[in-house]
Amino acid sequence: MKRAALYLRVSTLDQNPETQGLDLRQLARQRGLEVVQEYVDHGVSGTRARRPGLDQLMADARRGRFAIVLVWACDRLARSTRHFLEVLDELNRLNVEFVSFRENLDTGGALGRAVVIIISAIAELERNLIIERVRAGIRRARLEGRPIGRPPLQVDRAAILHDRANGQSLGQIAKAHAVSRALVCKILKEARHKGLSQTDSQAAEIARPKTVN
């Protein structure tokens, strides 16, 4: 008996995901599937990037907790066509079958496997197009002499050192200058290292024997 997972999602709190659950549980019984987990996103818009139920489903799919995913409709699973392609492509790579109740889509059958091949090819094409667009943008920026990446962060290092010398904590300094604690630690460490280097140089200059002409 195959282990199955159900994914239910409704966009508003006044909607009841149980409507989808009834159809999917009946479908699982008809196919002789063992439902091991139901993942629910209640009142979560399909356009949101982060969905706790879907995120947990994908995490458990990577752990091999089930062999098939049942959803009421394809638009319940993904926030966009691109996102749907990505999710379906990953499930295929994990050897997890996908079944949509409304569209009657089943990647376990011959037609479903053909659909997966097409979807995987489209997903790969989309990834390659994104990579090529990024590379083209970098090439254009270099030709135009524009800097690539994030602009350098403007930090008043002297003020940070002054605040630290006055006894402020790392958290207080980071909040006052709108930077991370890690950056404050880095600036303090560099200042200490520079101070030690200068002290060593001065000591070496004093210890160096002087020649008398």
C-alpha atoms as a PDB file:
ATOM      1  CA  MET A   1       0.000   0.000   0.000  1.00  0.00           C
ATOM      2  CA  LYS A   2       1.450   3.340  -1.070  1.00  0.00           C
ATOM      3  CA  ARG A   3       1.830   6.081   1.494  1.00  0.00           C
ATOM      4  CA  ALA A   4       0.086   9.292   0.471  1.00  0.00           C
ATOM      5  CA  ALA A   5       0.059  12.900   1.611  1.00  0.00           C
ATOM      6  CA  LEU A   6      -2.853  15.295   1.143  1.00  0.00           C
ATOM      7  CA  TYR A   7      -2.354  19.005   0.589  1.00  0.00           C
ATOM      8  CA  LEU A   8      -5.283  21.344   1.270  1.00  0.00           C
ATOM      9  CA  ARG A   9      -5.331  25.117   0.870  1.00  0.00           C
ATOM     10  CA  VAL A  10      -7.997  27.802   1.051  1.00  0.00           C
ATOM     11  CA  SER A  11      -7.315  31.501   0.584  1.00  0.00           C
ATOM     12  CA  THR A  12      -9.580  32.967   3.282  1.00  0.00           C
ATOM     13  CA  LEU A  13     -10.414  32.023   6.854  1.00  0.00           C
ATOM     14  CA  ASP A  14     -14.145  31.782   6.133  1.00  0.00           C
ATOM     15  CA  GLN A  15     -13.506  28.967   3.640  1.00  0.00           C
ATOM     16  CA  ASN A  16     -13.359  25.392   4.906  1.00  0.00           C
ATOM     17  CA  PRO A  17     -10.516  23.156   3.662  1.00  0.00           C
ATOM     18  CA  GLU A  18     -12.548  20.123   4.720  1.00  0.00           C
ATOM     19  CA  THR A  19     -14.447  20.403   1.413  1.00  0.00           C
ATOM     20  CA  GLN A  20     -11.222  19.484  -0.381  1.00  0.00           C
ATOM     21  CA  GLY A  21     -10.315  16.911   2.265  1.00  0.00           C
ATOM     22  CA  LEU A  22     -13.504  14.885   1.741  1.00  0.00           C
ATOM     23  CA  ASP A  23     -12.842  14.488  -1.992  1.00  0.00           C
ATOM     24  CA  LEU A  24      -9.159  13.641  -1.492  1.00  0.00           C
ATOM     25  CA  ARG A  25      -9.783  11.053   1.262  1.00  0.00           C
ATOM     26  CA  GLN A  26     -12.369   9.352  -0.921  1.00  0.00           C
ATOM     27  CA  LEU A  27      -9.897   9.366  -3.828  1.00  0.00           C
ATOM     28  CA  ALA A  28      -7.241   7.834  -1.571  1.00  0.00           C
ATOM     29  CA  ARG A  29      -9.646   5.052  -0.494  1.00  0.00           C
ATOM     30  CA  GLN A  30     -10.554   4.298  -4.098  1.00  0.00           C
ATOM     31  CA  ARG A  31      -6.871   3.949  -4.986  1.00  0.00           C
ATOM     32  CA  GLY A  32      -6.036   1.909  -1.895  1.00  0.00           C
ATOM     33  CA  LEU A  33      -3.638   4.523  -0.520  1.00  0.00           C
ATOM     34  CA  GLU A  34      -2.600   4.984   3.087  1.00  0.00           C
ATOM     35  CA  VAL A  35      -2.854   8.644   4.053  1.00  0.00           C
ATOM     36  CA  VAL A  36       0.070   9.329   6.399  1.00  0.00           C
ATOM     37  CA  GLN A  37      -0.290  13.101   6.710  1.00  0.00           C
ATOM     38  CA  GLU A  38      -2.554  15.989   5.771  1.00  0.00           C
ATOM     39  CA  TYR A  39      -0.878  19.359   5.170  1.00  0.00           C
ATOM     40  CA  VAL A  40      -3.204  22.356   5.457  1.00  0.00           C
ATOM     41  CA  ASP A  41      -2.724  26.042   4.685  1.00  0.00           C
ATOM     42  CA  HIS A  42      -5.872  27.727   6.008  1.00  0.00           C
ATOM     43  CA  GLY A  43      -6.438  31.334   5.024  1.00  0.00           C
ATOM     44  CA  VAL A  44      -3.217  31.540   3.035  1.00  0.00           C
ATOM     45  CA  SER A  45      -3.230  33.277  -0.336  1.00  0.00           C
ATOM     46  CA  GLY A  46      -1.805  31.368  -3.267  1.00  0.00           C
ATOM     47  CA  THR A  47       0.472  34.302  -4.105  1.00  0.00           C
ATOM     48  CA  ARG A  48       2.400  34.083  -0.833  1.00  0.00           C
ATOM     49  CA  ALA A  49       5.917  32.730  -1.207  1.00  0.00           C
ATOM     50  CA  ARG A  50       6.026  31.144   2.259  1.00  0.00           C
ATOM     51  CA  ARG A  51       3.324  28.662   3.192  1.00  0.00           C
ATOM     52  CA  PRO A  52       3.882  26.540   6.322  1.00  0.00           C
ATOM     53  CA  GLY A  53       1.849  23.580   5.087  1.00  0.00           C
ATOM     54  CA  LEU A  54       3.472  23.405   1.662  1.00  0.00           C
ATOM     55  CA  ASP A  55       6.944  24.012   3.090  1.00  0.00           C
ATOM     56  CA  GLN A  56       6.486  21.108   5.514  1.00  0.00           C
ATOM     57  CA  LEU A  57       5.125  18.875   2.737  1.00  0.00           C
ATOM     58  CA  MET A  58       8.189  19.485   0.574  1.00  0.00           C
ATOM     59  CA  ALA A  59      10.513  18.920   3.539  1.00  0.00           C
ATOM     60  CA  ASP A  60       8.840  15.574   4.299  1.00  0.00           C
ATOM     61  CA  ALA A  61       8.946  14.630   0.609  1.00  0.00           C
ATOM     62  CA  ARG A  62      12.718  15.053   0.707  1.00  0.00           C
ATOM     63  CA  ARG A  63      12.795  12.729   3.719  1.00  0.00           C
ATOM     64  CA  GLY A  64      10.842  10.069   1.799  1.00  0.00           C
ATOM     65  CA  ARG A  65       7.835  10.053   4.139  1.00  0.00           C
ATOM     66  CA  PHE A  66       5.364   9.345   1.317  1.00  0.00           C
ATOM     67  CA  ALA A  67       5.285   8.205  -2.294  1.00  0.00           C
ATOM     68  CA  ILE A  68       2.363  10.225  -3.662  1.00  0.00           C
ATOM     69  CA  VAL A  69       0.831  13.673  -3.153  1.00  0.00           C
ATOM     70  CA  LEU A  70      -2.885  14.331  -3.649  1.00  0.00           C
ATOM     71  CA  VAL A  71      -4.227  17.841  -4.188  1.00  0.00           C
ATOM     72  CA  TRP A  72      -7.729  19.025  -5.013  1.00  0.00           C
ATOM     73  CA  ALA A  73      -6.538  21.253  -7.873  1.00  0.00           C
ATOM     74  CA  CYS A  74      -3.221  22.373  -9.333  1.00  0.00           C
ATOM     75  CA  ASP A  75      -3.820  26.001  -8.363  1.00  0.00           C
ATOM     76  CA  ARG A  76      -4.143  24.901  -4.724  1.00  0.00           C
ATOM     77  CA  LEU A  77      -0.513  23.754  -4.774  1.00  0.00           C
ATOM     78  CA  ALA A  78       1.426  26.534  -6.467  1.00  0.00           C
ATOM     79  CA  ARG A  79       1.262  30.340  -6.511  1.00  0.00           C
ATOM     80  CA  SER A  80       2.116  30.614 -10.225  1.00  0.00           C
ATOM     81  CA  THR A  81       2.771  28.507 -13.305  1.00  0.00           C
ATOM     82  CA  ARG A  82       6.493  28.817 -12.730  1.00  0.00           C
ATOM     83  CA  HIS A  83       6.172  27.766  -9.086  1.00  0.00           C
ATOM     84  CA  PHE A  84       3.980  24.815 -10.103  1.00  0.00           C
ATOM     85  CA  LEU A  85       6.612  23.674 -12.596  1.00  0.00           C
ATOM     86  CA  GLU A  86       9.329  23.918  -9.951  1.00  0.00           C
ATOM     87  CA  VAL A  87       7.342  21.943  -7.348  1.00  0.00           C
ATOM     88  CA  LEU A  88       6.313  19.254  -9.817  1.00  0.00           C
ATOM     89  CA  ASP A  89       9.863  18.979 -11.145  1.00  0.00           C
ATOM     90  CA  GLU A  90      11.239  18.506  -7.630  1.00  0.00           C
ATOM     91  CA  LEU A  91       8.598  15.892  -6.755  1.00  0.00           C
ATOM     92  CA  ASN A  92       9.515  14.033  -9.928  1.00  0.00           C
ATOM     93  CA  ARG A  93      13.219  14.053  -8.987  1.00  0.00           C
ATOM     94  CA  LEU A  94      12.249  12.713  -5.548  1.00  0.00           C
ATOM     95  CA  ASN A  95      10.211   9.897  -7.198  1.00  0.00           C
ATOM     96  CA  VAL A  96       7.023  11.222  -5.593  1.00  0.00           C
ATOM     97  CA  GLU A  97       3.894  10.907  -7.731  1.00  0.00           C
ATOM     98  CA  PHE A  98       1.454  13.811  -8.066  1.00  0.00           C
ATOM     99  CA  VAL A  99      -2.320  13.548  -8.455  1.00  0.00           C
ATOM    100  CA  SER A 100      -4.734  16.434  -8.968  1.00  0.00           C
ATOM    101  CA  PHE A 101      -8.395  15.613  -8.313  1.00  0.00           C
ATOM    102  CA  ARG A 102     -10.035  18.341 -10.415  1.00  0.00           C
ATOM    103  CA  GLU A 103      -7.759  18.134 -13.474  1.00  0.00           C
ATOM    104  CA  ASN A 104      -7.543  14.333 -13.259  1.00  0.00           C
ATOM    105  CA  LEU A 105      -3.765  14.608 -13.602  1.00  0.00           C
ATOM    106  CA  ASP A 106      -1.771  11.591 -12.435  1.00  0.00           C
ATOM    107  CA  THR A 107       1.992  11.482 -12.969  1.00  0.00           C
ATOM    108  CA  GLY A 108       1.997   7.750 -12.168  1.00  0.00           C
ATOM    109  CA  GLY A 109       0.342   6.842 -15.479  1.00  0.00           C
ATOM    110  CA  ALA A 110       1.741   6.901 -18.999  1.00  0.00           C
ATOM    111  CA  LEU A 111       0.110  10.233 -19.875  1.00  0.00           C
ATOM    112  CA  GLY A 112       1.123  11.678 -16.528  1.00  0.00           C
ATOM    113  CA  ARG A 113       4.751  10.649 -17.037  1.00  0.00           C
ATOM    114  CA  ALA A 114       4.696  12.336 -20.449  1.00  0.00           C
ATOM    115  CA  VAL A 115       3.367  15.493 -18.812  1.00  0.00           C
ATOM    116  CA  VAL A 116       6.175  15.339 -16.223  1.00  0.00           C
ATOM    117  CA  ILE A 117       8.792  15.056 -18.976  1.00  0.00           C
ATOM    118  CA  ILE A 118       7.351  18.111 -20.702  1.00  0.00           C
ATOM    119  CA  ILE A 119       7.107  20.029 -17.425  1.00  0.00           C
ATOM    120  CA  SER A 120      10.663  19.100 -16.454  1.00  0.00           C
ATOM    121  CA  ALA A 121      11.913  20.307 -19.839  1.00  0.00           C
ATOM    122  CA  ILE A 122      10.024  23.595 -19.449  1.00  0.00           C
ATOM    123  CA  ALA A 123      11.366  24.037 -15.907  1.00  0.00           C
ATOM    124  CA  GLU A 124      14.927  23.446 -17.089  1.00  0.00           C
ATOM    125  CA  LEU A 125      14.415  25.890 -19.962  1.00  0.00           C
ATOM    126  CA  GLU A 126      13.101  28.493 -17.518  1.00  0.00           C
ATOM    127  CA  ARG A 127      16.143  28.037 -15.252  1.00  0.00           C
ATOM    128  CA  ASN A 128      18.511  28.383 -18.212  1.00  0.00           C
ATOM    129  CA  LEU A 129      16.726  31.527 -19.412  1.00  0.00           C
ATOM    130  CA  ILE A 130      17.033  33.090 -15.959  1.00  0.00           C
ATOM    131  CA  ILE A 131      20.758  32.268 -15.834  1.00  0.00           C
ATOM    132  CA  GLU A 132      21.286  33.715 -19.300  1.00  0.00           C
ATOM    133  CA  ARG A 133      19.386  36.912 -18.428  1.00  0.00           C
ATOM    134  CA  VAL A 134      21.527  37.367 -15.313  1.00  0.00           C
ATOM    135  CA  ARG A 135      24.732  36.820 -17.271  1.00  0.00           C
ATOM    136  CA  ALA A 136      23.601  39.220 -19.994  1.00  0.00           C
ATOM    137  CA  GLY A 137      22.861  41.862 -17.354  1.00  0.00           C
ATOM    138  CA  ILE A 138      26.327  41.417 -15.829  1.00  0.00           C
ATOM    139  CA  ARG A 139      28.004  41.693 -19.252  1.00  0.00           C
ATOM    140  CA  ARG A 140      26.074  44.886 -20.021  1.00  0.00           C
ATOM    141  CA  ALA A 141      26.940  46.391 -16.631  1.00  0.00           C
ATOM    142  CA  ARG A 142      30.640  45.674 -17.182  1.00  0.00           C
ATOM    143  CA  LEU A 143      30.576  47.204 -20.669  1.00  0.00           C
ATOM    144  CA  GLU A 144      28.890  50.333 -19.308  1.00  0.00           C
ATOM    145  CA  GLY A 145      31.361  50.523 -16.439  1.00  0.00           C
ATOM    146  CA  ARG A 146      28.670  50.192 -13.789  1.00  0.00           C
ATOM    147  CA  PRO A 147      29.494  48.420 -10.489  1.00  0.00           C
ATOM    148  CA  ILE A 148      28.170  44.874 -10.115  1.00  0.00           C
ATOM    149  CA  GLY A 149      26.485  43.711  -6.955  1.00  0.00           C
ATOM    150  CA  ARG A 150      25.449  45.623  -3.884  1.00  0.00           C
ATOM    151  CA  PRO A 151      26.912  49.080  -3.324  1.00  0.00           C
ATOM    152  CA  PRO A 152      29.489  49.213  -0.517  1.00  0.00           C
ATOM    153  CA  LEU A 153      27.980  49.912   2.886  1.00  0.00           C
ATOM    154  CA  GLN A 154      28.823  53.381   4.184  1.00  0.00           C
ATOM    155  CA  VAL A 155      29.876  53.001   7.818  1.00  0.00           C
ATOM    156  CA  ASP A 156      31.414  55.580  10.162  1.00  0.00           C
ATOM    157  CA  ARG A 157      34.160  53.372  11.561  1.00  0.00           C
ATOM    158  CA  ALA A 158      35.601  56.133  13.758  1.00  0.00           C
ATOM    159  CA  ALA A 159      32.217  56.672  15.420  1.00  0.00           C
ATOM    160  CA  ILE A 160      31.840  52.934  16.059  1.00  0.00           C
ATOM    161  CA  LEU A 161      35.285  52.782  17.683  1.00  0.00           C
ATOM    162  CA  HIS A 162      34.450  55.868  19.728  1.00  0.00           C
ATOM    163  CA  ASP A 163      31.163  54.374  20.949  1.00  0.00           C
ATOM    164  CA  ARG A 164      32.905  51.148  21.902  1.00  0.00           C
ATOM    165  CA  ALA A 165      35.587  53.062  23.795  1.00  0.00           C
ATOM    166  CA  ASN A 166      32.798  54.793  25.720  1.00  0.00           C
ATOM    167  CA  GLY A 167      31.552  51.405  26.925  1.00  0.00           C
ATOM    168  CA  GLN A 168      28.573  50.799  24.632  1.00  0.00           C
ATOM    169  CA  SER A 169      27.641  47.165  23.966  1.00  0.00           C
ATOM    170  CA  LEU A 170      27.848  45.555  20.533  1.00  0.00           C
ATOM    171  CA  GLY A 171      24.067  45.493  20.279  1.00  0.00           C
ATOM    172  CA  GLN A 172      23.740  49.181  21.146  1.00  0.00           C
ATOM    173  CA  ILE A 173      26.379  50.144  18.580  1.00  0.00           C
ATOM    174  CA  ALA A 174      24.803  47.975  15.876  1.00  0.00           C
ATOM    175  CA  LYS A 175      21.361  49.484  16.503  1.00  0.00           C
ATOM    176  CA  ALA A 176      22.667  53.057  16.590  1.00  0.00           C
ATOM    177  CA  HIS A 177      24.502  52.690  13.267  1.00  0.00           C
ATOM    178  CA  ALA A 178      21.908  50.411  11.610  1.00  0.00           C
ATOM    179  CA  VAL A 179      24.423  47.639  10.958  1.00  0.00           C
ATOM    180  CA  SER A 180      24.775  44.033  12.089  1.00  0.00           C
ATOM    181  CA  ARG A 181      26.606  42.923  15.214  1.00  0.00           C
ATOM    182  CA  ALA A 182      28.882  40.865  12.968  1.00  0.00           C
ATOM    183  CA  LEU A 183      30.000  43.999  11.107  1.00  0.00           C
ATOM    184  CA  VAL A 184      30.667  45.811  14.393  1.00  0.00           C
ATOM    185  CA  CYS A 185      32.792  42.870  15.568  1.00  0.00           C
ATOM    186  CA  LYS A 186      34.690  42.899  12.267  1.00  0.00           C
ATOM    187  CA  ILE A 187      35.465  46.632  12.534  1.00  0.00           C
ATOM    188  CA  LEU A 188      36.645  46.271  16.138  1.00  0.00           C
ATOM    189  CA  LYS A 189      38.789  43.263  15.241  1.00  0.00           C
ATOM    190  CA  GLU A 190      40.384  45.099  12.306  1.00  0.00           C
ATOM    191  CA  ALA A 191      41.080  48.089  14.559  1.00  0.00           C
ATOM    192  CA  ARG A 192      42.740  45.887  17.175  1.00  0.00           C
ATOM    193  CA  HIS A 193      44.805  44.129  14.512  1.00  0.00           C
ATOM    194  CA  LYS A 194      45.863  47.454  13.000  1.00  0.00           C
ATOM    195  CA  GLY A 195      46.781  48.768  16.438  1.00  0.00           C
ATOM    196  CA  LEU A 196      48.897  45.691  17.194  1.00  0.00           C
ATOM    197  CA  SER A 197      50.618  45.961  13.819  1.00  0.00           C
ATOM    198  CA  GLN A 198      51.481  49.607  14.441  1.00  0.00           C
ATOM    199  CA  THR A 199      52.777  48.783  17.929  1.00  0.00           C
ATOM    200  CA  ASP A 200      54.955  45.972  16.538  1.00  0.00           C
ATOM    201  CA  SER A 201      56.364  48.288  13.864  1.00  0.00           C
ATOM    202  CA  GLN A 202      57.202  50.945  16.430  1.00  0.00           C
ATOM    203  CA  ALA A 203      58.886  48.382  18.699  1.00  0.00           C
ATOM    204  CA  ALA A 204      60.929  47.032  15.785  1.00  0.00           C
ATOM    205  CA  GLU A 205      62.035  50.552  14.869  1.00  0.00           C
ATOM    206  CA  ILE A 206      63.164  51.215  18.443  1.00  0.00           C
ATOM    207  CA  ALA A 207      65.028  47.882  18.702  1.00  0.00           C
ATOM    208  CA  ARG A 208      66.812  48.292  15.336  1.00  0.00           C
ATOM    209  CA  PRO A 209      70.482  49.216  15.946  1.00  0.00           C
ATOM    210  CA  LYS A 210      71.355  52.618  14.641  1.00  0.00           C
ATOM    211  CA  THR A 211      74.431  53.119  12.522  1.00  0.00           C
ATOM    212  CA  VAL A 212      76.789  55.951  13.329  1.00  0.00           C
ATOM    213  CA  ASN A 213      78.386  57.664  10.389  1.00  0.00           C
END
